[in-house]
Amino acid sequence: MRNFKMKKLLIATTALVATAGMAAADITITGHAAAGYHSGLAGTAAALDAAIAADTAASTAATVAALAVAREAAEGIYSNAGVDFAMSGATDNGIAISATVNIDAGTEVDTGDFEFDGADGGTAGLGAVVMSGTFGTLTFDNNGIDNMYSDATTHDISYATTLGAVGLTIGYDATDASANATSMQATYTAGGMAFTLTGSEDAAGTSSELAVSYALNDTVTITADTDQAAGAEAVQTIGASTTLNGVSVAISSANDSTWDVSLGYTAGGFALSYATDEADAWEATASTSLGGGASFAAGVNASDAMYAGVSFAF
């Protein structure tokens, strides 16, 4: 009996020593779903018909399949559901590590850009793996990190840190040797002034943008920026925005004869927005909370594209 007790004590002690170096880890599981109606969203039949008309080999199986997708996108029902796994933990020396995995299936629409995204593969996808500590934050995501200048998803790794009052982020495309795309962004805030310098280097050349904003008071902000895209003339833009009692107004004008105006109204869980520009490319959206993690959203634009549907968060 004594030997048996000694063995149990030895096993328990060994387990304690083995787990002493392990930090607590968390796994969170959430779900989402959406369903609704769409018509005329970007990337649909009209755009594909034009591409096919310019293609002398339009009878290929791939072209026929693409046209079928476009026809589906032209008008119909979308529905999708997914499960998201968020994992986080930390090492003994204080380095926090997080990762995500998601499984999505169905057909999706991009309500922000009035686009039909088409069918999801229904397979598990690995999101970003993030490591952070006193050294800053390292993010790894193969072709999943946006270029900070163009928003094109081309980067594989990024590093962010703070140097005094300056925030610095650098992104790099490590897998495409032909592009070697790099972008960076530096931010600085002092009083009511905020400065953002963004730059990018890729096969097209060097691009940069300097943006400045100044908060006149709690409701009015003035903005200005100069944007120099690779191989193009610099564009300077000035703008102003204000928000008061749920009503927001934003205007901007650039030296290339372009301008934008947007209006918004929010009250409780209800929101309305309207935006237009020099080409009269207007769009209007509405959304409201239905409670219980559900919401309704609808939109229409100048190209006769529209969507309306319900989304759920579980």
C-alpha atoms as a PDB file:
ATOM      1  CA  MET A   1       0.000   0.000   0.000  1.00  0.00           C
ATOM      2  CA  ARG A   2       2.840   2.361   0.814  1.00  0.00           C
ATOM      3  CA  ASN A   3       4.436   1.828  -2.595  1.00  0.00           C
ATOM      4  CA  PHE A   4       1.094   2.491  -4.282  1.00  0.00           C
ATOM      5  CA  LYS A   5       0.737   5.810  -2.438  1.00  0.00           C
ATOM      6  CA  MET A   6       4.293   6.759  -3.279  1.00  0.00           C
ATOM      7  CA  LYS A   7       3.642   6.046  -6.971  1.00  0.00           C
ATOM      8  CA  LYS A   8       0.511   8.257  -6.959  1.00  0.00           C
ATOM      9  CA  LEU A   9       2.474  11.066  -5.281  1.00  0.00           C
ATOM     10  CA  LEU A  10       5.283  10.729  -7.836  1.00  0.00           C
ATOM     11  CA  ILE A  11       2.809  10.867 -10.758  1.00  0.00           C
ATOM     12  CA  ALA A  12       1.042  13.938  -9.337  1.00  0.00           C
ATOM     13  CA  THR A  13       4.363  15.701  -8.686  1.00  0.00           C
ATOM     14  CA  THR A  14       5.580  14.959 -12.212  1.00  0.00           C
ATOM     15  CA  ALA A  15       2.352  16.333 -13.708  1.00  0.00           C
ATOM     16  CA  LEU A  16       2.661  19.510 -11.619  1.00  0.00           C
ATOM     17  CA  VAL A  17       6.222  20.115 -12.790  1.00  0.00           C
ATOM     18  CA  ALA A  18       5.261  19.442 -16.415  1.00  0.00           C
ATOM     19  CA  THR A  19       2.414  21.977 -16.354  1.00  0.00           C
ATOM     20  CA  ALA A  20       4.256  24.658 -14.360  1.00  0.00           C
ATOM     21  CA  GLY A  21       5.677  26.166 -17.555  1.00  0.00           C
ATOM     22  CA  MET A  22       2.320  26.298 -19.352  1.00  0.00           C
ATOM     23  CA  ALA A  23       0.308  29.526 -19.350  1.00  0.00           C
ATOM     24  CA  ALA A  24      -3.493  29.639 -19.376  1.00  0.00           C
ATOM     25  CA  ALA A  25      -5.060  29.426 -22.826  1.00  0.00           C
ATOM     26  CA  ASP A  26      -8.532  30.352 -24.035  1.00  0.00           C
ATOM     27  CA  ILE A  27     -10.585  29.139 -26.996  1.00  0.00           C
ATOM     28  CA  THR A  28     -13.714  31.071 -27.923  1.00  0.00           C
ATOM     29  CA  ILE A  29     -16.254  29.737 -30.413  1.00  0.00           C
ATOM     30  CA  THR A  30     -18.713  32.073 -32.117  1.00  0.00           C
ATOM     31  CA  GLY A  31     -21.058  31.691 -35.060  1.00  0.00           C
ATOM     32  CA  HIS A  32     -22.670  33.874 -37.695  1.00  0.00           C
ATOM     33  CA  ALA A  33     -25.256  33.585 -40.450  1.00  0.00           C
ATOM     34  CA  ALA A  34     -26.877  35.831 -43.038  1.00  0.00           C
ATOM     35  CA  ALA A  35     -29.599  35.588 -45.657  1.00  0.00           C
ATOM     36  CA  GLY A  36     -31.310  37.958 -48.041  1.00  0.00           C
ATOM     37  CA  TYR A  37     -31.964  39.130 -51.601  1.00  0.00           C
ATOM     38  CA  HIS A  38     -29.545  40.840 -54.017  1.00  0.00           C
ATOM     39  CA  SER A  39     -29.678  42.297 -57.513  1.00  0.00           C
ATOM     40  CA  GLY A  40     -27.148  43.917 -59.858  1.00  0.00           C
ATOM     41  CA  LEU A  41     -24.186  43.893 -57.483  1.00  0.00           C
ATOM     42  CA  ALA A  42     -20.677  44.555 -58.851  1.00  0.00           C
ATOM     43  CA  GLY A  43     -18.885  41.671 -60.563  1.00  0.00           C
ATOM     44  CA  THR A  44     -22.114  40.310 -62.017  1.00  0.00           C
ATOM     45  CA  ALA A  45     -23.368  39.393 -65.491  1.00  0.00           C
ATOM     46  CA  ALA A  46     -22.952  42.778 -67.176  1.00  0.00           C
ATOM     47  CA  ALA A  47     -19.277  43.063 -66.275  1.00  0.00           C
ATOM     48  CA  LEU A  48     -18.565  39.463 -67.220  1.00  0.00           C
ATOM     49  CA  ASP A  49     -20.431  39.763 -70.531  1.00  0.00           C
ATOM     50  CA  ALA A  50     -18.086  42.606 -71.485  1.00  0.00           C
ATOM     51  CA  ALA A  51     -15.051  40.500 -70.593  1.00  0.00           C
ATOM     52  CA  ILE A  52     -16.349  37.554 -72.608  1.00  0.00           C
ATOM     53  CA  ALA A  53     -17.089  39.756 -75.633  1.00  0.00           C
ATOM     54  CA  ALA A  54     -13.417  40.755 -75.673  1.00  0.00           C
ATOM     55  CA  ASP A  55     -12.272  37.136 -75.350  1.00  0.00           C
ATOM     56  CA  THR A  56     -12.060  35.202 -78.637  1.00  0.00           C
ATOM     57  CA  ALA A  57     -11.936  31.909 -76.698  1.00  0.00           C
ATOM     58  CA  ALA A  58     -15.246  32.529 -74.978  1.00  0.00           C
ATOM     59  CA  SER A  59     -16.453  28.971 -75.484  1.00  0.00           C
ATOM     60  CA  THR A  60     -14.041  27.461 -72.959  1.00  0.00           C
ATOM     61  CA  ALA A  61     -15.479  25.549 -70.021  1.00  0.00           C
ATOM     62  CA  ALA A  62     -13.937  28.024 -67.606  1.00  0.00           C
ATOM     63  CA  THR A  63     -15.679  30.940 -69.332  1.00  0.00           C
ATOM     64  CA  VAL A  64     -19.024  29.145 -69.320  1.00  0.00           C
ATOM     65  CA  ALA A  65     -18.628  28.392 -65.621  1.00  0.00           C
ATOM     66  CA  ALA A  66     -17.704  32.008 -64.898  1.00  0.00           C
ATOM     67  CA  LEU A  67     -20.759  33.228 -66.798  1.00  0.00           C
ATOM     68  CA  ALA A  68     -22.939  30.890 -64.756  1.00  0.00           C
ATOM     69  CA  VAL A  69     -21.594  32.458 -61.577  1.00  0.00           C
ATOM     70  CA  ALA A  70     -22.252  35.917 -62.981  1.00  0.00           C
ATOM     71  CA  ARG A  71     -25.824  35.009 -63.863  1.00  0.00           C
ATOM     72  CA  GLU A  72     -26.346  33.788 -60.328  1.00  0.00           C
ATOM     73  CA  ALA A  73     -24.910  37.037 -59.038  1.00  0.00           C
ATOM     74  CA  ALA A  74     -27.156  39.154 -61.261  1.00  0.00           C
ATOM     75  CA  GLU A  75     -30.215  38.511 -59.098  1.00  0.00           C
ATOM     76  CA  GLY A  76     -31.156  36.011 -56.455  1.00  0.00           C
ATOM     77  CA  ILE A  77     -30.955  34.873 -52.882  1.00  0.00           C
ATOM     78  CA  TYR A  78     -27.815  34.712 -50.769  1.00  0.00           C
ATOM     79  CA  SER A  79     -27.404  32.704 -47.566  1.00  0.00           C
ATOM     80  CA  ASN A  80     -24.370  31.720 -45.554  1.00  0.00           C
ATOM     81  CA  ALA A  81     -23.280  30.514 -42.153  1.00  0.00           C
ATOM     82  CA  GLY A  82     -19.986  30.075 -40.384  1.00  0.00           C
ATOM     83  CA  VAL A  83     -18.164  29.164 -37.195  1.00  0.00           C
ATOM     84  CA  ASP A  84     -15.164  31.108 -35.882  1.00  0.00           C
ATOM     85  CA  PHE A  85     -12.585  29.783 -33.417  1.00  0.00           C
ATOM     86  CA  ALA A  86     -10.448  32.363 -31.583  1.00  0.00           C
ATOM     87  CA  MET A  87      -7.519  31.003 -29.592  1.00  0.00           C
ATOM     88  CA  SER A  88      -5.258  32.926 -27.241  1.00  0.00           C
ATOM     89  CA  GLY A  89      -2.556  32.210 -24.715  1.00  0.00           C
ATOM     90  CA  ALA A  90       0.717  33.524 -23.350  1.00  0.00           C
ATOM     91  CA  THR A  91       4.241  32.310 -22.645  1.00  0.00           C
ATOM     92  CA  ASP A  92       5.876  32.509 -19.220  1.00  0.00           C
ATOM     93  CA  ASN A  93       7.876  35.559 -20.279  1.00  0.00           C
ATOM     94  CA  GLY A  94       4.743  37.533 -21.230  1.00  0.00           C
ATOM     95  CA  ILE A  95       4.458  37.036 -25.008  1.00  0.00           C
ATOM     96  CA  ALA A  96       0.787  36.886 -25.939  1.00  0.00           C
ATOM     97  CA  ILE A  97      -0.130  34.610 -28.850  1.00  0.00           C
ATOM     98  CA  SER A  98      -3.455  34.446 -30.676  1.00  0.00           C
ATOM     99  CA  ALA A  99      -4.806  32.709 -33.775  1.00  0.00           C
ATOM    100  CA  THR A 100      -8.122  32.252 -35.548  1.00  0.00           C
ATOM    101  CA  VAL A 101      -9.706  29.491 -37.638  1.00  0.00           C
ATOM    102  CA  ASN A 102     -12.986  29.912 -39.495  1.00  0.00           C
ATOM    103  CA  ILE A 103     -15.327  27.626 -41.417  1.00  0.00           C
ATOM    104  CA  ASP A 104     -17.750  29.367 -43.797  1.00  0.00           C
ATOM    105  CA  ALA A 105     -20.240  27.993 -46.309  1.00  0.00           C
ATOM    106  CA  GLY A 106     -22.891  29.452 -48.600  1.00  0.00           C
ATOM    107  CA  THR A 107     -23.002  32.540 -50.814  1.00  0.00           C
ATOM    108  CA  GLU A 108     -21.972  35.973 -49.582  1.00  0.00           C
ATOM    109  CA  VAL A 109     -22.428  39.620 -50.511  1.00  0.00           C
ATOM    110  CA  ASP A 110     -20.180  42.540 -49.561  1.00  0.00           C
ATOM    111  CA  THR A 111     -22.658  45.176 -48.402  1.00  0.00           C
ATOM    112  CA  GLY A 112     -19.972  47.820 -47.937  1.00  0.00           C
ATOM    113  CA  ASP A 113     -18.859  47.691 -51.578  1.00  0.00           C
ATOM    114  CA  PHE A 114     -22.119  46.496 -53.212  1.00  0.00           C
ATOM    115  CA  GLU A 115     -20.359  43.339 -54.448  1.00  0.00           C
ATOM    116  CA  PHE A 116     -21.398  39.717 -54.843  1.00  0.00           C
ATOM    117  CA  ASP A 117     -18.606  37.584 -53.365  1.00  0.00           C
ATOM    118  CA  GLY A 118     -20.034  34.292 -54.598  1.00  0.00           C
ATOM    119  CA  ALA A 119     -19.845  30.860 -53.023  1.00  0.00           C
ATOM    120  CA  ASP A 120     -17.538  30.103 -50.119  1.00  0.00           C
ATOM    121  CA  GLY A 121     -15.586  26.881 -50.293  1.00  0.00           C
ATOM    122  CA  GLY A 122     -16.977  25.510 -47.048  1.00  0.00           C
ATOM    123  CA  THR A 123     -13.484  24.634 -45.858  1.00  0.00           C
ATOM    124  CA  ALA A 124     -11.559  25.638 -42.761  1.00  0.00           C
ATOM    125  CA  GLY A 125      -9.371  28.713 -43.175  1.00  0.00           C
ATOM    126  CA  LEU A 126      -6.502  29.811 -40.959  1.00  0.00           C
ATOM    127  CA  GLY A 127      -6.536  33.465 -40.021  1.00  0.00           C
ATOM    128  CA  ALA A 128      -3.690  35.557 -38.673  1.00  0.00           C
ATOM    129  CA  VAL A 129      -1.288  34.295 -36.037  1.00  0.00           C
ATOM    130  CA  VAL A 130      -0.335  37.225 -33.802  1.00  0.00           C
ATOM    131  CA  MET A 131       2.513  37.511 -31.289  1.00  0.00           C
ATOM    132  CA  SER A 132       2.722  40.594 -29.074  1.00  0.00           C
ATOM    133  CA  GLY A 133       4.748  41.806 -26.138  1.00  0.00           C
ATOM    134  CA  THR A 134       6.994  44.645 -25.026  1.00  0.00           C
ATOM    135  CA  PHE A 135       8.792  44.336 -28.382  1.00  0.00           C
ATOM    136  CA  GLY A 136       5.626  45.208 -30.316  1.00  0.00           C
ATOM    137  CA  THR A 137       3.244  43.089 -32.394  1.00  0.00           C
ATOM    138  CA  LEU A 138       4.135  40.565 -35.103  1.00  0.00           C
ATOM    139  CA  THR A 139       1.367  39.328 -37.409  1.00  0.00           C
ATOM    140  CA  PHE A 140       1.724  36.330 -39.758  1.00  0.00           C
ATOM    141  CA  ASP A 141      -0.942  35.717 -42.425  1.00  0.00           C
ATOM    142  CA  ASN A 142      -0.006  34.396 -45.874  1.00  0.00           C
ATOM    143  CA  ASN A 143      -1.420  36.874 -48.436  1.00  0.00           C
ATOM    144  CA  GLY A 144      -3.867  38.014 -45.782  1.00  0.00           C
ATOM    145  CA  ILE A 145      -2.492  41.381 -44.627  1.00  0.00           C
ATOM    146  CA  ASP A 146      -3.527  44.579 -46.401  1.00  0.00           C
ATOM    147  CA  ASN A 147      -1.024  46.898 -48.015  1.00  0.00           C
ATOM    148  CA  MET A 148      -1.429  50.021 -45.899  1.00  0.00           C
ATOM    149  CA  TYR A 149      -1.409  52.331 -48.914  1.00  0.00           C
ATOM    150  CA  SER A 150      -3.647  50.513 -51.403  1.00  0.00           C
ATOM    151  CA  ASP A 151      -5.639  48.104 -49.154  1.00  0.00           C
ATOM    152  CA  ALA A 152      -4.738  45.298 -51.594  1.00  0.00           C
ATOM    153  CA  THR A 153      -4.281  42.074 -49.644  1.00  0.00           C
ATOM    154  CA  THR A 154      -0.686  41.258 -50.572  1.00  0.00           C
ATOM    155  CA  HIS A 155       1.380  41.120 -47.386  1.00  0.00           C
ATOM    156  CA  ASP A 156       2.352  38.039 -45.378  1.00  0.00           C
ATOM    157  CA  ILE A 157       3.923  39.614 -42.291  1.00  0.00           C
ATOM    158  CA  SER A 158       3.658  42.908 -40.443  1.00  0.00           C
ATOM    159  CA  TYR A 159       5.299  44.491 -37.414  1.00  0.00           C
ATOM    160  CA  ALA A 160       3.795  47.267 -35.281  1.00  0.00           C
ATOM    161  CA  THR A 161       5.330  49.196 -32.409  1.00  0.00           C
ATOM    162  CA  THR A 162       5.265  52.552 -30.647  1.00  0.00           C
ATOM    163  CA  LEU A 163       8.291  54.839 -30.491  1.00  0.00           C
ATOM    164  CA  GLY A 164       7.427  57.541 -28.000  1.00  0.00           C
ATOM    165  CA  ALA A 165       4.397  59.353 -29.425  1.00  0.00           C
ATOM    166  CA  VAL A 166       4.823  57.794 -32.876  1.00  0.00           C
ATOM    167  CA  GLY A 167       3.013  54.632 -33.927  1.00  0.00           C
ATOM    168  CA  LEU A 168       4.833  52.636 -36.605  1.00  0.00           C
ATOM    169  CA  THR A 169       3.621  49.691 -38.714  1.00  0.00           C
ATOM    170  CA  ILE A 170       5.546  47.890 -41.482  1.00  0.00           C
ATOM    171  CA  GLY A 171       4.185  45.203 -43.818  1.00  0.00           C
ATOM    172  CA  TYR A 172       6.052  42.933 -46.234  1.00  0.00           C
ATOM    173  CA  ASP A 173       5.237  40.407 -48.965  1.00  0.00           C
ATOM    174  CA  ALA A 174       7.645  37.583 -48.149  1.00  0.00           C
ATOM    175  CA  THR A 175       6.337  34.904 -50.513  1.00  0.00           C
ATOM    176  CA  ASP A 176       6.196  36.718 -53.884  1.00  0.00           C
ATOM    177  CA  ALA A 177       9.799  37.443 -54.835  1.00  0.00           C
ATOM    178  CA  SER A 178       8.720  39.201 -58.045  1.00  0.00           C
ATOM    179  CA  ALA A 179       6.693  41.800 -56.164  1.00  0.00           C
ATOM    180  CA  ASN A 180       8.523  42.202 -52.844  1.00  0.00           C
ATOM    181  CA  ALA A 181       5.793  44.651 -51.891  1.00  0.00           C
ATOM    182  CA  THR A 182       6.475  46.685 -48.760  1.00  0.00           C
ATOM    183  CA  SER A 183       4.313  49.276 -47.047  1.00  0.00           C
ATOM    184  CA  MET A 184       4.600  51.351 -43.916  1.00  0.00           C
ATOM    185  CA  GLN A 185       2.557  53.768 -41.873  1.00  0.00           C
ATOM    186  CA  ALA A 186       3.548  56.236 -39.164  1.00  0.00           C
ATOM    187  CA  THR A 187       1.036  58.093 -36.985  1.00  0.00           C
ATOM    188  CA  TYR A 188       1.459  60.988 -34.566  1.00  0.00           C
ATOM    189  CA  THR A 189      -1.133  62.840 -32.476  1.00  0.00           C
ATOM    190  CA  ALA A 190      -0.642  66.061 -30.548  1.00  0.00           C
ATOM    191  CA  GLY A 191      -3.554  67.946 -29.074  1.00  0.00           C
ATOM    192  CA  GLY A 192      -6.254  68.141 -31.723  1.00  0.00           C
ATOM    193  CA  MET A 193      -3.815  67.422 -34.578  1.00  0.00           C
ATOM    194  CA  ALA A 194      -3.298  63.956 -36.060  1.00  0.00           C
ATOM    195  CA  PHE A 195      -0.726  63.124 -38.751  1.00  0.00           C
ATOM    196  CA  THR A 196      -0.573  59.907 -40.805  1.00  0.00           C
ATOM    197  CA  LEU A 197       2.211  59.159 -43.269  1.00  0.00           C
ATOM    198  CA  THR A 198       1.722  56.092 -45.478  1.00  0.00           C
ATOM    199  CA  GLY A 199       4.092  54.697 -48.092  1.00  0.00           C
ATOM    200  CA  SER A 200       4.304  51.679 -50.386  1.00  0.00           C
ATOM    201  CA  GLU A 201       6.973  50.169 -52.641  1.00  0.00           C
ATOM    202  CA  ASP A 202       6.047  47.511 -55.212  1.00  0.00           C
ATOM    203  CA  ALA A 203       6.521  46.596 -58.875  1.00  0.00           C
ATOM    204  CA  ALA A 204       4.667  49.762 -59.948  1.00  0.00           C
ATOM    205  CA  GLY A 205       7.029  52.026 -58.009  1.00  0.00           C
ATOM    206  CA  THR A 206       6.813  54.177 -54.888  1.00  0.00           C
ATOM    207  CA  SER A 207       3.544  55.623 -53.604  1.00  0.00           C
ATOM    208  CA  SER A 208       2.957  57.861 -50.593  1.00  0.00           C
ATOM    209  CA  GLU A 209       0.249  59.779 -48.784  1.00  0.00           C
ATOM    210  CA  LEU A 210       0.350  62.362 -46.004  1.00  0.00           C
ATOM    211  CA  ALA A 211      -2.926  62.995 -44.183  1.00  0.00           C
ATOM    212  CA  VAL A 212      -3.610  65.631 -41.511  1.00  0.00           C
ATOM    213  CA  SER A 213      -6.724  66.132 -39.416  1.00  0.00           C
ATOM    214  CA  TYR A 214      -7.565  68.817 -36.883  1.00  0.00           C
ATOM    215  CA  ALA A 215     -10.444  68.670 -34.411  1.00  0.00           C
ATOM    216  CA  LEU A 216     -11.785  72.220 -34.110  1.00  0.00           C
ATOM    217  CA  ASN A 217     -14.082  71.114 -31.286  1.00  0.00           C
ATOM    218  CA  ASP A 218     -16.052  68.069 -30.174  1.00  0.00           C
ATOM    219  CA  THR A 219     -18.206  68.076 -33.313  1.00  0.00           C
ATOM    220  CA  VAL A 220     -16.169  69.518 -36.227  1.00  0.00           C
ATOM    221  CA  THR A 221     -13.018  68.073 -37.819  1.00  0.00           C
ATOM    222  CA  ILE A 222     -11.005  69.477 -40.733  1.00  0.00           C
ATOM    223  CA  THR A 223      -8.913  67.141 -42.926  1.00  0.00           C
ATOM    224  CA  ALA A 224      -6.316  67.515 -45.666  1.00  0.00           C
ATOM    225  CA  ASP A 225      -4.051  65.096 -47.511  1.00  0.00           C
ATOM    226  CA  THR A 226      -1.727  64.784 -50.464  1.00  0.00           C
ATOM    227  CA  ASP A 227      -1.613  61.480 -52.331  1.00  0.00           C
ATOM    228  CA  GLN A 228       1.179  60.563 -54.756  1.00  0.00           C
ATOM    229  CA  ALA A 229       0.460  57.223 -56.451  1.00  0.00           C
ATOM    230  CA  ALA A 230       3.296  55.603 -58.412  1.00  0.00           C
ATOM    231  CA  GLY A 231       3.448  57.003 -61.945  1.00  0.00           C
ATOM    232  CA  ALA A 232       0.594  59.463 -61.381  1.00  0.00           C
ATOM    233  CA  GLU A 233       0.160  63.132 -60.544  1.00  0.00           C
ATOM    234  CA  ALA A 234      -0.203  64.054 -56.883  1.00  0.00           C
ATOM    235  CA  VAL A 235      -3.754  64.691 -55.698  1.00  0.00           C
ATOM    236  CA  GLN A 236      -4.516  67.127 -52.864  1.00  0.00           C
ATOM    237  CA  THR A 237      -7.798  66.847 -50.968  1.00  0.00           C
ATOM    238  CA  ILE A 238      -9.416  68.949 -48.261  1.00  0.00           C
ATOM    239  CA  GLY A 239     -12.520  68.071 -46.285  1.00  0.00           C
ATOM    240  CA  ALA A 240     -14.628  68.644 -43.211  1.00  0.00           C
ATOM    241  CA  SER A 241     -16.970  66.555 -41.100  1.00  0.00           C
ATOM    242  CA  THR A 242     -19.381  67.232 -38.258  1.00  0.00           C
ATOM    243  CA  THR A 243     -21.649  65.176 -36.012  1.00  0.00           C
ATOM    244  CA  LEU A 244     -24.409  66.587 -33.840  1.00  0.00           C
ATOM    245  CA  ASN A 245     -27.437  64.921 -32.247  1.00  0.00           C
ATOM    246  CA  GLY A 246     -27.091  61.793 -34.356  1.00  0.00           C
ATOM    247  CA  VAL A 247     -26.724  63.689 -37.652  1.00  0.00           C
ATOM    248  CA  SER A 248     -23.383  63.503 -39.475  1.00  0.00           C
ATOM    249  CA  VAL A 249     -22.186  65.405 -42.548  1.00  0.00           C
ATOM    250  CA  ALA A 250     -18.882  64.940 -44.384  1.00  0.00           C
ATOM    251  CA  ILE A 251     -17.633  66.764 -47.497  1.00  0.00           C
ATOM    252  CA  SER A 252     -14.368  66.659 -49.428  1.00  0.00           C
ATOM    253  CA  SER A 253     -12.962  68.162 -52.620  1.00  0.00           C
ATOM    254  CA  ALA A 254      -9.758  67.433 -54.558  1.00  0.00           C
ATOM    255  CA  ASN A 255      -7.694  69.295 -57.154  1.00  0.00           C
ATOM    256  CA  ASP A 256      -8.531  66.657 -59.789  1.00  0.00           C
ATOM    257  CA  SER A 257     -12.144  67.948 -59.896  1.00  0.00           C
ATOM    258  CA  THR A 258     -13.528  65.139 -57.740  1.00  0.00           C
ATOM    259  CA  TRP A 259     -15.678  65.620 -54.654  1.00  0.00           C
ATOM    260  CA  ASP A 260     -17.716  63.568 -52.176  1.00  0.00           C
ATOM    261  CA  VAL A 261     -20.632  64.323 -49.874  1.00  0.00           C
ATOM    262  CA  SER A 262     -22.094  61.944 -47.300  1.00  0.00           C
ATOM    263  CA  LEU A 263     -24.949  62.283 -44.827  1.00  0.00           C
ATOM    264  CA  GLY A 264     -25.843  60.029 -41.927  1.00  0.00           C
ATOM    265  CA  TYR A 265     -28.379  59.685 -39.155  1.00  0.00           C
ATOM    266  CA  THR A 266     -28.342  57.323 -36.177  1.00  0.00           C
ATOM    267  CA  ALA A 267     -30.868  56.885 -33.378  1.00  0.00           C
ATOM    268  CA  GLY A 268     -30.884  53.937 -31.041  1.00  0.00           C
ATOM    269  CA  GLY A 269     -30.146  50.880 -33.127  1.00  0.00           C
ATOM    270  CA  PHE A 270     -31.276  52.510 -36.394  1.00  0.00           C
ATOM    271  CA  ALA A 271     -28.928  54.086 -38.971  1.00  0.00           C
ATOM    272  CA  LEU A 272     -29.411  55.792 -42.355  1.00  0.00           C
ATOM    273  CA  SER A 273     -26.691  56.959 -44.747  1.00  0.00           C
ATOM    274  CA  TYR A 274     -26.507  58.619 -48.159  1.00  0.00           C
ATOM    275  CA  ALA A 275     -23.416  59.446 -50.218  1.00  0.00           C
ATOM    276  CA  THR A 276     -22.788  60.896 -53.675  1.00  0.00           C
ATOM    277  CA  ASP A 277     -19.924  62.309 -55.747  1.00  0.00           C
ATOM    278  CA  GLU A 278     -19.097  64.331 -58.865  1.00  0.00           C
ATOM    279  CA  ALA A 279     -20.215  61.438 -61.098  1.00  0.00           C
ATOM    280  CA  ASP A 280     -23.581  61.233 -59.315  1.00  0.00           C
ATOM    281  CA  ALA A 281     -22.610  57.719 -58.176  1.00  0.00           C
ATOM    282  CA  TRP A 282     -24.896  57.846 -55.162  1.00  0.00           C
ATOM    283  CA  GLU A 283     -25.689  55.087 -52.689  1.00  0.00           C
ATOM    284  CA  ALA A 284     -28.113  54.842 -49.788  1.00  0.00           C
ATOM    285  CA  THR A 285     -28.114  52.320 -46.939  1.00  0.00           C
ATOM    286  CA  ALA A 286     -30.215  51.569 -43.867  1.00  0.00           C
ATOM    287  CA  SER A 287     -29.689  49.215 -40.954  1.00  0.00           C
ATOM    288  CA  THR A 288     -31.358  48.433 -37.654  1.00  0.00           C
ATOM    289  CA  SER A 289     -30.818  46.112 -34.730  1.00  0.00           C
ATOM    290  CA  LEU A 290     -33.446  43.409 -34.271  1.00  0.00           C
ATOM    291  CA  GLY A 291     -32.147  42.314 -30.880  1.00  0.00           C
ATOM    292  CA  GLY A 292     -30.762  38.971 -29.830  1.00  0.00           C
ATOM    293  CA  GLY A 293     -27.683  39.378 -32.038  1.00  0.00           C
ATOM    294  CA  ALA A 294     -29.745  39.909 -35.203  1.00  0.00           C
ATOM    295  CA  SER A 295     -29.766  42.946 -37.502  1.00  0.00           C
ATOM    296  CA  PHE A 296     -31.357  44.009 -40.793  1.00  0.00           C
ATOM    297  CA  ALA A 297     -29.538  45.936 -43.539  1.00  0.00           C
ATOM    298  CA  ALA A 298     -30.540  47.168 -46.991  1.00  0.00           C
ATOM    299  CA  GLY A 299     -28.912  49.310 -49.667  1.00  0.00           C
ATOM    300  CA  VAL A 300     -29.379  50.661 -53.185  1.00  0.00           C
ATOM    301  CA  ASN A 301     -27.105  52.671 -55.477  1.00  0.00           C
ATOM    302  CA  ALA A 302     -27.040  54.589 -58.761  1.00  0.00           C
ATOM    303  CA  SER A 303     -26.215  51.434 -60.754  1.00  0.00           C
ATOM    304  CA  ASP A 304     -29.552  49.872 -59.725  1.00  0.00           C
ATOM    305  CA  ALA A 305     -27.704  47.435 -57.469  1.00  0.00           C
ATOM    306  CA  MET A 306     -29.442  46.514 -54.255  1.00  0.00           C
ATOM    307  CA  TYR A 307     -29.401  44.123 -51.323  1.00  0.00           C
ATOM    308  CA  ALA A 308     -31.630  43.461 -48.335  1.00  0.00           C
ATOM    309  CA  GLY A 309     -31.164  40.841 -45.677  1.00  0.00           C
ATOM    310  CA  VAL A 310     -30.795  39.767 -42.089  1.00  0.00           C
ATOM    311  CA  SER A 311     -27.588  38.772 -40.310  1.00  0.00           C
ATOM    312  CA  PHE A 312     -27.134  36.919 -37.042  1.00  0.00           C
ATOM    313  CA  ALA A 313     -24.329  36.615 -34.503  1.00  0.00           C
ATOM    314  CA  PHE A 314     -24.335  33.598 -32.188  1.00  0.00           C
END
